[in-house]
Protein backbone atom coordinates (compact mmCIF):
# COMPACT_ATOMS: atom_id res chain seq x y z
CA MET A 1 73.81 100.52 120.96
CA ALA A 2 72.31 99.48 117.48
CA ASP A 3 71.58 102.30 115.26
CA GLN A 4 69.50 101.21 112.13
CA SER A 5 68.75 103.74 109.54
CA ALA A 6 66.91 103.95 106.03
CA ASN A 7 70.37 104.26 104.48
CA ALA A 8 71.42 101.34 106.35
CA VAL A 9 73.92 99.78 106.34
CA MET A 10 76.67 98.54 104.03
CA GLY A 11 76.33 101.02 101.12
CA SER A 12 76.06 104.68 102.58
CA GLN A 13 79.74 104.96 103.45
CA THR A 14 80.95 103.30 100.33
CA THR A 15 79.24 106.02 98.20
CA ASP A 16 80.46 108.86 100.20
CA SER A 17 83.96 107.67 100.94
CA PRO A 18 85.87 108.26 97.85
CA HIS A 19 84.36 111.49 96.82
CA THR A 20 83.85 113.20 100.26
CA SER A 21 85.74 112.22 103.17
CA ARG A 22 88.19 110.04 101.06
CA LYS A 23 88.11 107.45 103.79
CA ILE A 24 89.45 103.93 103.12
CA ASP A 25 86.45 101.53 102.88
CA VAL A 26 87.68 98.24 104.40
CA CYS A 27 85.21 95.31 104.53
CA LEU A 28 86.06 92.59 107.24
CA VAL A 29 84.43 89.20 106.51
CA ALA A 30 84.39 87.45 109.85
CA GLU A 31 82.58 84.05 110.54
CA ASN A 32 82.18 85.09 114.22
CA TYR A 33 81.49 88.78 115.11
CA TYR A 34 79.91 90.69 118.07
CA PRO A 35 77.61 89.66 119.73
CA VAL A 36 79.15 86.18 119.08
CA LEU A 37 82.42 86.50 121.23
CA THR A 38 85.80 85.45 119.64
CA GLY A 39 89.10 86.82 120.08
CA ALA A 40 89.73 88.01 116.36
CA GLY A 41 86.11 89.42 115.95
CA GLU A 42 86.19 91.28 119.37
CA ARG A 43 89.64 92.72 118.60
CA PHE A 44 88.48 94.39 115.45
CA ARG A 45 85.23 95.68 117.09
CA ARG A 46 87.60 97.47 119.58
CA TYR A 47 89.78 98.73 116.72
CA ALA A 48 87.09 100.04 114.59
CA PRO A 49 86.88 103.68 116.35
CA GLY A 50 90.66 103.93 116.24
CA LEU A 51 90.68 102.91 112.64
CA ARG A 52 87.89 105.50 111.81
CA ALA A 53 90.07 108.16 113.38
CA ARG A 54 92.89 107.24 111.09
CA GLY A 55 90.91 107.57 107.82
CA VAL A 56 89.70 103.74 107.75
CA GLU A 57 86.13 102.95 107.66
CA LEU A 58 85.32 99.44 108.71
CA ARG A 59 82.21 97.44 107.70
CA ILE A 60 81.54 93.89 108.77
CA ILE A 61 79.96 90.97 106.93
CA THR A 62 79.38 87.97 109.12
CA VAL A 63 77.03 85.15 109.88
CA ASN A 64 73.44 85.55 111.38
CA ARG A 65 73.61 82.73 113.95
CA ASP A 66 70.84 83.74 116.54
CA ASN A 67 68.37 85.50 114.74
CA HIS A 68 69.91 89.04 115.15
CA ALA A 69 69.17 91.85 112.83
CA ASP A 70 70.31 91.26 109.20
CA ARG A 71 71.55 94.80 109.07
CA GLU A 72 72.54 97.20 111.86
CA ILE A 73 75.03 99.67 112.97
CA ILE A 74 76.66 99.33 116.21
CA ALA A 75 79.07 101.92 117.52
CA GLY A 76 79.37 103.59 114.01
CA THR A 77 80.29 100.08 112.26
CA PRO A 78 77.99 98.78 109.72
CA ILE A 79 77.12 95.14 110.19
CA LEU A 80 75.49 92.79 107.46
CA ARG A 81 74.64 89.28 108.56
CA LEU A 82 74.17 86.60 106.09
CA PRO A 83 72.18 83.43 106.60
CA THR A 84 73.94 80.16 106.32
CA PRO A 85 72.74 76.57 106.14
CA LYS A 86 71.83 75.08 109.32
CA ASN A 87 73.79 71.97 108.78
CA PRO A 88 76.52 72.90 106.31
CA ASN A 89 78.23 69.83 104.59
CA LEU A 90 80.94 69.92 101.86
CA PHE A 91 79.47 66.69 100.45
CA ASN A 92 75.86 67.77 99.87
CA GLY A 93 76.94 71.14 98.14
CA THR A 94 76.30 73.66 101.06
CA GLY A 95 79.86 73.96 102.13
CA SER A 96 81.54 75.03 105.26
CA VAL A 97 80.02 77.92 107.22
CA ALA A 98 83.15 80.19 106.25
CA ASP A 99 82.94 79.05 102.58
CA VAL A 100 79.25 80.01 102.38
CA LEU A 101 79.77 83.36 104.17
CA LEU A 102 82.68 84.17 101.84
CA HIS A 103 80.68 83.28 98.70
CA GLY A 104 77.76 85.34 100.02
CA ALA A 105 79.97 88.16 100.78
CA VAL A 106 81.50 88.36 97.31
CA ASN A 107 78.10 87.86 95.56
CA TYR A 108 76.76 90.79 97.70
CA PHE A 109 79.56 92.92 96.52
CA GLN A 110 78.89 92.16 92.87
CA ILE A 111 75.01 92.36 92.86
CA ASN A 112 75.00 95.62 94.92
CA ASN A 113 78.07 97.24 93.34
CA GLN A 114 79.59 97.72 96.68
CA TRP A 115 83.09 96.48 96.35
CA PRO A 116 85.37 97.81 99.11
CA ASP A 117 88.66 99.40 98.72
CA VAL A 118 90.23 96.53 100.81
CA LEU A 119 88.73 93.12 101.58
CA HIS A 120 90.12 91.65 104.80
CA ILE A 121 89.19 88.03 105.40
CA LEU A 122 89.58 86.56 109.04
CA THR A 123 88.54 82.90 108.23
CA HIS A 124 88.71 81.10 105.01
CA PRO A 125 88.78 77.44 103.93
CA LEU A 126 90.53 76.07 101.00
CA GLN A 127 87.11 75.96 99.24
CA GLY A 128 86.93 79.70 99.49
CA VAL A 129 89.79 80.30 97.25
CA PRO A 130 87.73 80.93 94.06
CA TYR A 131 85.84 83.56 95.75
CA VAL A 132 89.04 85.43 96.65
CA TRP A 133 90.40 85.22 93.14
CA ARG A 134 86.99 86.48 92.14
CA ALA A 135 87.39 89.61 94.18
CA ARG A 136 91.12 89.92 92.79
CA CYS A 137 89.75 89.70 89.36
CA TYR A 138 87.85 92.96 90.21
CA GLY A 139 90.98 94.65 91.26
CA ILE A 140 90.18 94.33 94.96
CA PRO A 141 93.28 93.92 97.27
CA CYS A 142 92.72 91.09 99.70
CA VAL A 143 94.36 90.31 102.83
CA ASN A 144 94.01 87.42 105.59
CA SER A 145 94.62 87.32 109.23
CA ILE A 146 96.18 84.18 110.62
CA THR A 147 94.52 84.15 114.09
CA LEU A 148 95.61 80.75 115.29
CA MET A 149 99.06 78.95 114.98
CA PRO A 150 98.79 76.27 112.27
CA TRP A 151 99.34 72.52 113.34
CA GLU A 152 102.80 71.28 113.03
CA THR A 153 103.05 67.83 111.26
CA HIS A 154 106.15 65.45 111.47
CA SER A 155 105.90 62.90 108.56
CA LYS A 156 107.24 63.82 105.25
CA ILE A 157 104.05 62.94 103.58
CA GLU A 158 101.97 65.02 105.97
CA ARG A 159 104.39 68.07 105.73
CA LEU A 160 104.24 67.93 101.84
CA LYS A 161 100.24 67.82 102.30
CA ASP A 162 100.35 70.83 104.56
CA PHE A 163 102.69 72.76 102.36
CA LEU A 164 100.36 72.31 99.17
CA HIS A 165 97.24 73.08 101.28
CA HIS A 166 98.57 76.30 102.63
CA TRP A 167 100.23 77.16 99.33
CA LEU A 168 96.77 76.80 97.64
CA ARG A 169 94.80 78.40 100.51
CA TYR A 170 96.72 81.49 100.62
CA SER A 171 97.68 81.92 97.04
CA PRO A 172 95.12 84.58 96.10
CA PHE A 173 96.06 87.16 98.94
CA ASN A 174 98.05 90.21 98.54
CA LEU A 175 99.11 90.00 102.18
CA ILE A 176 99.10 87.63 105.06
CA ILE A 177 98.75 89.08 108.49
CA THR A 178 100.51 87.36 111.42
CA ASN A 179 100.78 88.65 114.91
CA ASN A 180 104.04 87.32 116.26
CA GLN A 181 107.34 86.07 115.03
CA VAL A 182 106.66 82.39 115.67
CA MET A 183 103.57 82.38 113.46
CA GLU A 184 105.37 84.47 110.65
CA HIS A 185 108.15 81.83 110.79
CA ARG A 186 105.50 79.04 110.61
CA MET A 187 103.88 80.49 107.56
CA THR A 188 107.22 80.79 105.77
CA GLN A 189 107.72 77.11 106.50
CA LEU A 190 104.34 76.50 104.81
CA GLY A 191 105.46 78.05 101.52
CA ILE A 192 104.28 81.67 102.05
CA SER A 193 106.86 84.22 100.80
CA SER A 194 108.00 86.46 103.52
CA LYS A 195 107.45 89.43 101.14
CA ARG A 196 103.78 88.76 101.46
CA ILE A 197 103.75 88.57 105.28
CA ILE A 198 103.10 91.64 107.47
CA ASN A 199 103.53 91.12 111.29
CA ILE A 200 101.25 93.34 113.33
CA PRO A 201 100.94 92.51 117.00
CA ASN A 202 97.58 92.62 118.77
CA GLY A 203 97.02 95.84 120.47
CA VAL A 204 95.60 96.59 124.02
CA ASP A 205 93.98 99.80 125.12
CA LEU A 206 96.26 100.56 127.88
CA SER A 207 93.79 103.12 129.37
CA ARG A 208 91.18 100.52 129.69
CA PHE A 209 93.36 97.68 130.96
CA HIS A 210 95.66 99.12 133.71
CA PRO A 211 96.65 98.11 137.23
CA VAL A 212 94.30 98.88 140.10
CA SER A 213 95.29 102.15 141.74
CA SER A 214 95.01 100.92 145.57
CA SER A 215 94.07 98.07 147.66
CA ASP A 216 90.83 100.12 148.73
CA GLU A 217 89.82 100.38 144.89
CA GLN A 218 90.26 96.63 144.53
CA ALA A 219 88.21 95.90 147.60
CA LYS A 220 85.44 98.04 146.13
CA LEU A 221 85.65 96.36 142.78
CA ARG A 222 85.36 93.07 144.52
CA LYS A 223 82.25 94.01 146.33
CA GLU A 224 80.65 95.13 143.00
CA LEU A 225 81.56 92.00 141.29
CA GLY A 226 80.36 89.66 144.19
CA LEU A 227 83.84 88.54 145.24
CA GLY A 228 85.34 88.18 148.67
CA VAL A 229 87.41 91.04 149.74
CA GLY A 230 89.88 88.77 151.45
CA ASP A 231 89.98 85.93 148.88
CA GLU A 232 92.89 85.06 146.68
CA ILE A 233 91.32 85.48 143.25
CA ILE A 234 92.63 83.27 140.52
CA LEU A 235 91.29 84.35 137.12
CA PHE A 236 90.91 82.70 133.82
CA VAL A 237 89.35 84.62 130.87
CA GLY A 238 88.48 82.69 127.64
CA TYR A 239 86.08 80.24 126.07
CA ILE A 240 85.64 77.02 128.17
CA VAL A 241 86.84 74.73 125.52
CA PRO A 242 89.45 71.94 125.25
CA ARG A 243 92.03 73.98 123.40
CA LYS A 244 92.27 76.35 126.33
CA GLY A 245 93.30 73.87 128.77
CA ILE A 246 90.42 74.19 131.21
CA ASP A 247 90.75 70.51 132.12
CA LEU A 248 94.21 71.00 133.36
CA LEU A 249 93.27 74.08 135.39
CA ALA A 250 90.15 72.40 136.95
CA GLU A 251 92.51 69.42 137.86
CA ALA A 252 95.06 71.93 139.53
CA TRP A 253 92.12 73.40 141.40
CA SER A 254 91.92 70.45 143.40
CA GLU A 255 95.45 70.82 144.75
CA ILE A 256 95.24 74.61 145.12
CA ALA A 257 91.93 74.41 147.00
CA ARG A 258 93.63 71.98 149.63
CA MET A 259 96.60 74.18 149.92
CA ARG A 260 94.95 77.65 150.07
CA PRO A 261 91.61 77.93 151.97
CA ALA A 262 91.17 81.56 150.73
CA ALA A 263 91.62 80.87 147.13
CA HIS A 264 88.72 81.37 144.75
CA LEU A 265 88.80 80.41 141.14
CA VAL A 266 86.93 82.77 138.71
CA LEU A 267 86.38 81.63 135.13
CA VAL A 268 85.25 84.57 132.78
CA GLY A 269 83.93 83.59 129.34
CA PRO A 270 81.08 81.55 127.43
CA TYR A 271 80.51 78.19 128.86
CA GLU A 272 76.87 77.42 127.73
CA GLN A 273 76.75 74.04 126.04
CA ARG A 274 74.80 75.37 122.98
CA SER A 275 77.28 78.12 122.19
CA GLN A 276 80.19 75.76 122.80
CA ALA A 277 78.86 73.14 120.53
CA GLU A 278 78.62 75.77 117.74
CA ILE A 279 82.20 76.87 118.19
CA VAL A 280 84.07 73.77 118.69
CA GLY A 281 81.85 70.75 117.83
CA ARG A 282 79.54 68.20 119.04
CA ASP A 283 82.12 66.85 121.85
CA THR A 284 82.06 70.05 123.84
CA PRO A 285 79.01 69.34 125.90
CA THR A 286 80.80 66.28 127.13
CA PHE A 287 83.87 68.21 127.87
CA PHE A 288 82.00 70.73 129.94
CA ALA A 289 80.36 67.97 131.84
CA LYS A 290 83.71 66.68 132.59
CA ILE A 291 85.06 70.01 133.92
CA GLU A 292 82.02 70.23 136.08
CA ARG A 293 82.60 66.78 137.56
CA ILE A 294 86.25 67.63 138.31
CA ILE A 295 85.26 70.76 140.07
CA GLN A 296 82.41 68.97 142.00
CA GLU A 297 84.67 66.34 143.17
CA SER A 298 87.27 68.97 144.37
CA PRO A 299 87.78 69.97 148.06
CA ALA A 300 85.96 73.30 147.47
CA PRO A 301 83.49 73.34 144.45
CA GLU A 302 81.84 76.33 146.29
CA ARG A 303 84.82 78.41 145.67
CA VAL A 304 84.66 78.16 141.96
CA SER A 305 82.60 80.74 139.95
CA PHE A 306 81.60 80.44 136.40
CA MET A 307 80.82 84.09 135.22
CA GLY A 308 79.93 83.59 131.66
CA GLU A 309 80.49 86.51 129.20
CA VAL A 310 80.92 89.85 130.81
CA GLU A 311 81.34 93.43 129.35
CA ASN A 312 83.79 94.59 132.19
CA VAL A 313 86.57 92.04 131.84
CA GLU A 314 88.83 94.74 132.90
CA SER A 315 87.26 94.99 136.40
CA PHE A 316 87.93 91.19 136.93
CA MET A 317 91.44 91.56 135.92
CA GLN A 318 91.89 94.48 138.49
CA ALA A 319 90.19 92.57 141.23
CA ALA A 320 92.36 89.39 140.66
CA ASP A 321 95.57 88.29 142.29
CA VAL A 322 96.91 86.11 139.60
CA PHE A 323 95.87 85.37 136.04
CA VAL A 324 96.17 81.68 134.61
CA PHE A 325 96.28 80.70 130.94
CA PRO A 326 96.89 77.02 130.50
CA SER A 327 96.19 77.06 126.72
CA ARG A 328 97.47 74.62 124.29
CA ARG A 329 97.50 76.33 121.15
CA GLU A 330 96.95 80.14 120.25
CA GLY A 331 97.64 82.97 117.91
CA SER A 332 98.15 86.05 120.04
CA PRO A 333 95.48 85.72 122.84
CA ASN A 334 93.83 88.99 123.90
CA ALA A 335 93.25 87.82 127.42
CA LEU A 336 96.90 87.34 128.17
CA THR A 337 98.10 90.61 126.74
CA GLU A 338 95.12 92.50 128.54
CA ALA A 339 95.98 90.78 131.82
CA MET A 340 99.59 91.84 131.45
CA ALA A 341 98.50 95.33 130.74
CA ALA A 342 96.33 95.19 133.91
CA GLY A 343 99.51 94.47 135.79
CA LEU A 344 98.43 90.84 136.66
CA PRO A 345 101.19 88.25 137.32
CA CYS A 346 100.42 85.53 134.94
CA VAL A 347 100.93 81.75 134.84
CA ILE A 348 100.92 80.40 131.30
CA THR A 349 101.75 77.23 129.55
CA PRO A 350 104.02 76.90 126.54
CA PHE A 351 101.27 76.94 123.96
CA SER A 352 101.97 76.55 120.42
CA GLY A 353 102.27 80.07 119.18
CA LEU A 354 104.13 81.51 122.37
CA SER A 355 106.75 83.94 121.17
CA VAL A 356 109.42 86.10 122.71
CA GLU A 357 107.03 88.97 122.07
CA PHE A 358 105.06 87.94 125.26
CA GLY A 359 108.32 88.62 127.32
CA ALA A 360 110.60 86.13 129.14
CA PRO A 361 109.64 83.47 131.64
CA GLY A 362 110.35 84.31 135.27
CA ARG A 363 110.37 88.07 134.42
CA GLU A 364 107.04 88.93 132.76
CA PHE A 365 105.20 85.76 133.60
CA LEU A 366 105.79 82.29 135.01
CA LEU A 367 105.83 79.35 132.66
CA ALA A 368 104.26 76.17 133.83
CA SER A 369 104.26 72.87 131.99
CA PHE A 370 101.24 71.06 130.65
CA THR A 371 100.49 69.26 133.93
CA SER A 372 98.08 70.07 136.62
CA ASP A 373 100.80 69.83 139.18
CA SER A 374 102.92 72.34 137.62
CA ILE A 375 100.05 74.84 137.02
CA ALA A 376 99.16 74.48 140.78
CA GLU A 377 102.74 74.78 141.91
CA ASN A 378 103.22 78.06 139.82
CA ILE A 379 99.86 79.60 141.02
CA ASN A 380 100.76 78.78 144.73
CA SER A 381 104.25 80.29 144.05
CA ILE A 382 102.56 83.75 143.02
CA LEU A 383 100.01 83.72 145.94
CA SER A 384 102.72 82.83 148.52
CA ASN A 385 105.39 85.41 147.70
CA LEU A 386 103.97 89.04 147.75
CA LEU A 387 107.31 90.41 146.54
CA GLN A 388 107.39 88.13 143.58
CA LYS A 389 103.69 88.85 142.71
CA GLU A 390 104.46 92.48 142.52
CA LYS A 391 107.67 92.32 140.86
CA ILE A 392 106.15 90.14 137.96
CA GLY A 393 102.97 92.30 137.73
CA ARG A 394 105.03 95.61 137.40
CA ALA A 395 107.29 93.92 134.71
CA ALA A 396 104.18 92.81 132.87
CA ARG A 397 102.68 96.20 132.86
CA LYS A 398 105.79 97.60 131.77
CA PHE A 399 106.30 95.13 129.07
CA ALA A 400 102.73 95.74 127.78
CA GLU A 401 103.13 99.64 127.58
CA GLU A 402 106.47 99.11 125.53
CA ASN A 403 105.11 96.41 123.18
CA PHE A 404 101.16 96.11 123.26
CA ASP A 405 99.94 99.73 122.92
CA VAL A 406 97.07 99.70 120.55
CA ALA A 407 97.91 102.94 118.97
CA ARG A 408 100.86 101.24 117.43
CA SER A 409 98.85 98.37 116.01
CA LEU A 410 96.17 100.84 114.54
CA ASP A 411 98.88 102.83 112.81
CA LEU A 412 100.19 99.66 111.19
CA TYR A 413 96.70 98.58 110.21
CA SER A 414 95.74 101.98 108.83
CA ASP A 415 99.14 102.24 106.80
CA MET A 416 98.63 98.59 105.37
CA TYR A 417 95.13 99.42 104.33
CA LYS A 418 96.12 102.73 102.72
CA ARG A 419 99.02 101.28 100.87
CA LEU A 420 96.78 98.53 99.46
CA SER A 421 93.85 100.65 98.52
CA SER A 422 96.34 102.80 96.48
CA LYS A 423 97.18 99.95 94.37
CA ARG A 424 93.54 99.05 93.62
CA LYS A 425 92.85 98.73 89.94
CA GLY A 426 90.23 101.30 88.97
CA GLN A 427 88.43 103.80 90.94
CA ARG A 428 84.77 103.55 92.15
CA ASN A 429 82.11 105.76 90.77
CA VAL A 430 79.25 107.05 92.98
CA HIS A 431 77.51 103.87 92.57
CA GLY A 432 80.44 101.68 93.76
CA HIS A 433 81.30 100.38 90.23
CA ALA A 434 85.05 100.05 89.41
CA GLU A 435 86.18 102.16 86.53
CA SER A 436 89.18 101.37 84.51
């Protein structure tokens, strides 16, 4: 529920925090945030209450994409949505969406005297570097999250270009946040000092994402979700976009549908052409049409369900038999760690960004190659072997309990924010000004 007030929205906690509750004021600048669904934005939406309990007040500056309220408070978190050009273009001076957003956020802080204790930026282009330096000149500690594994290049010239690009792009930040060792290593390859990198794994709410307690509860869930009680539910969660490997899964479905007459493929996540075009570019409607065509030509298109965005993704995980994640490139995907926490046996591909922090192939998950045949073979293996299905599901849950507990991630974030805020140059007065 959105709670709009006269005080609203970005300034009230900034005034009170340093002199009353002494909470740390962190502003997250995110190109996409609720209700626009993206992994990083959704992760911090879920983190906000836990951070608040640890003395960190999170506020959000994001893009107003669909005529939402410019200012509102959602579940205690203030959100400011800034307008951006309809057709951003670097060559006509309007800049990229992330660039314009960052520029607008820094201008907002300066004009309204509402500089945060820590500025946390999720996405920024090279063109946004001057705005980060501007915040640093005001004594504001700045951090950046690496949410997607950087591309690897092979030629010497391209590697040199990558090195220079990333060195310049990340030069103004106090800290760079990665979420697994592979990404951390990749950033050091790109010239970022290990002293400026902090590795914080993505946390999962283990009380929300947990195994179903009984077959009766699973049957009840399936009825509530409109799924067949006796079906073999194969679940995918994420955007229906090329990077996620949905084309491979759709092609694999043709083979699975022939082999397993009770199989039902359930895809949870945004798939509307309009929203997809916004997220990944103009070619996506063509991609989605390709997926629809592959499925329609399969032996059982009626056993494929596109569910769109849902609020109860954990219910779908508890109702499923196997989770499949054929992605090509990731950071640390929420959906995979949540499925493991739900005790689902997972079939994944060796996506760029896959790290030992997800477990071991054959123990916590099955690893397929980037072919539809391999994906179909591994899904069939899980569905054909109840002992293997239960063994991998139990191992996945245990691994999640030991490695993905959100409390650990929240502790690491709150400690980081507090350390950074203690190094901020100057203290804010009651109007948000920095004082020497």
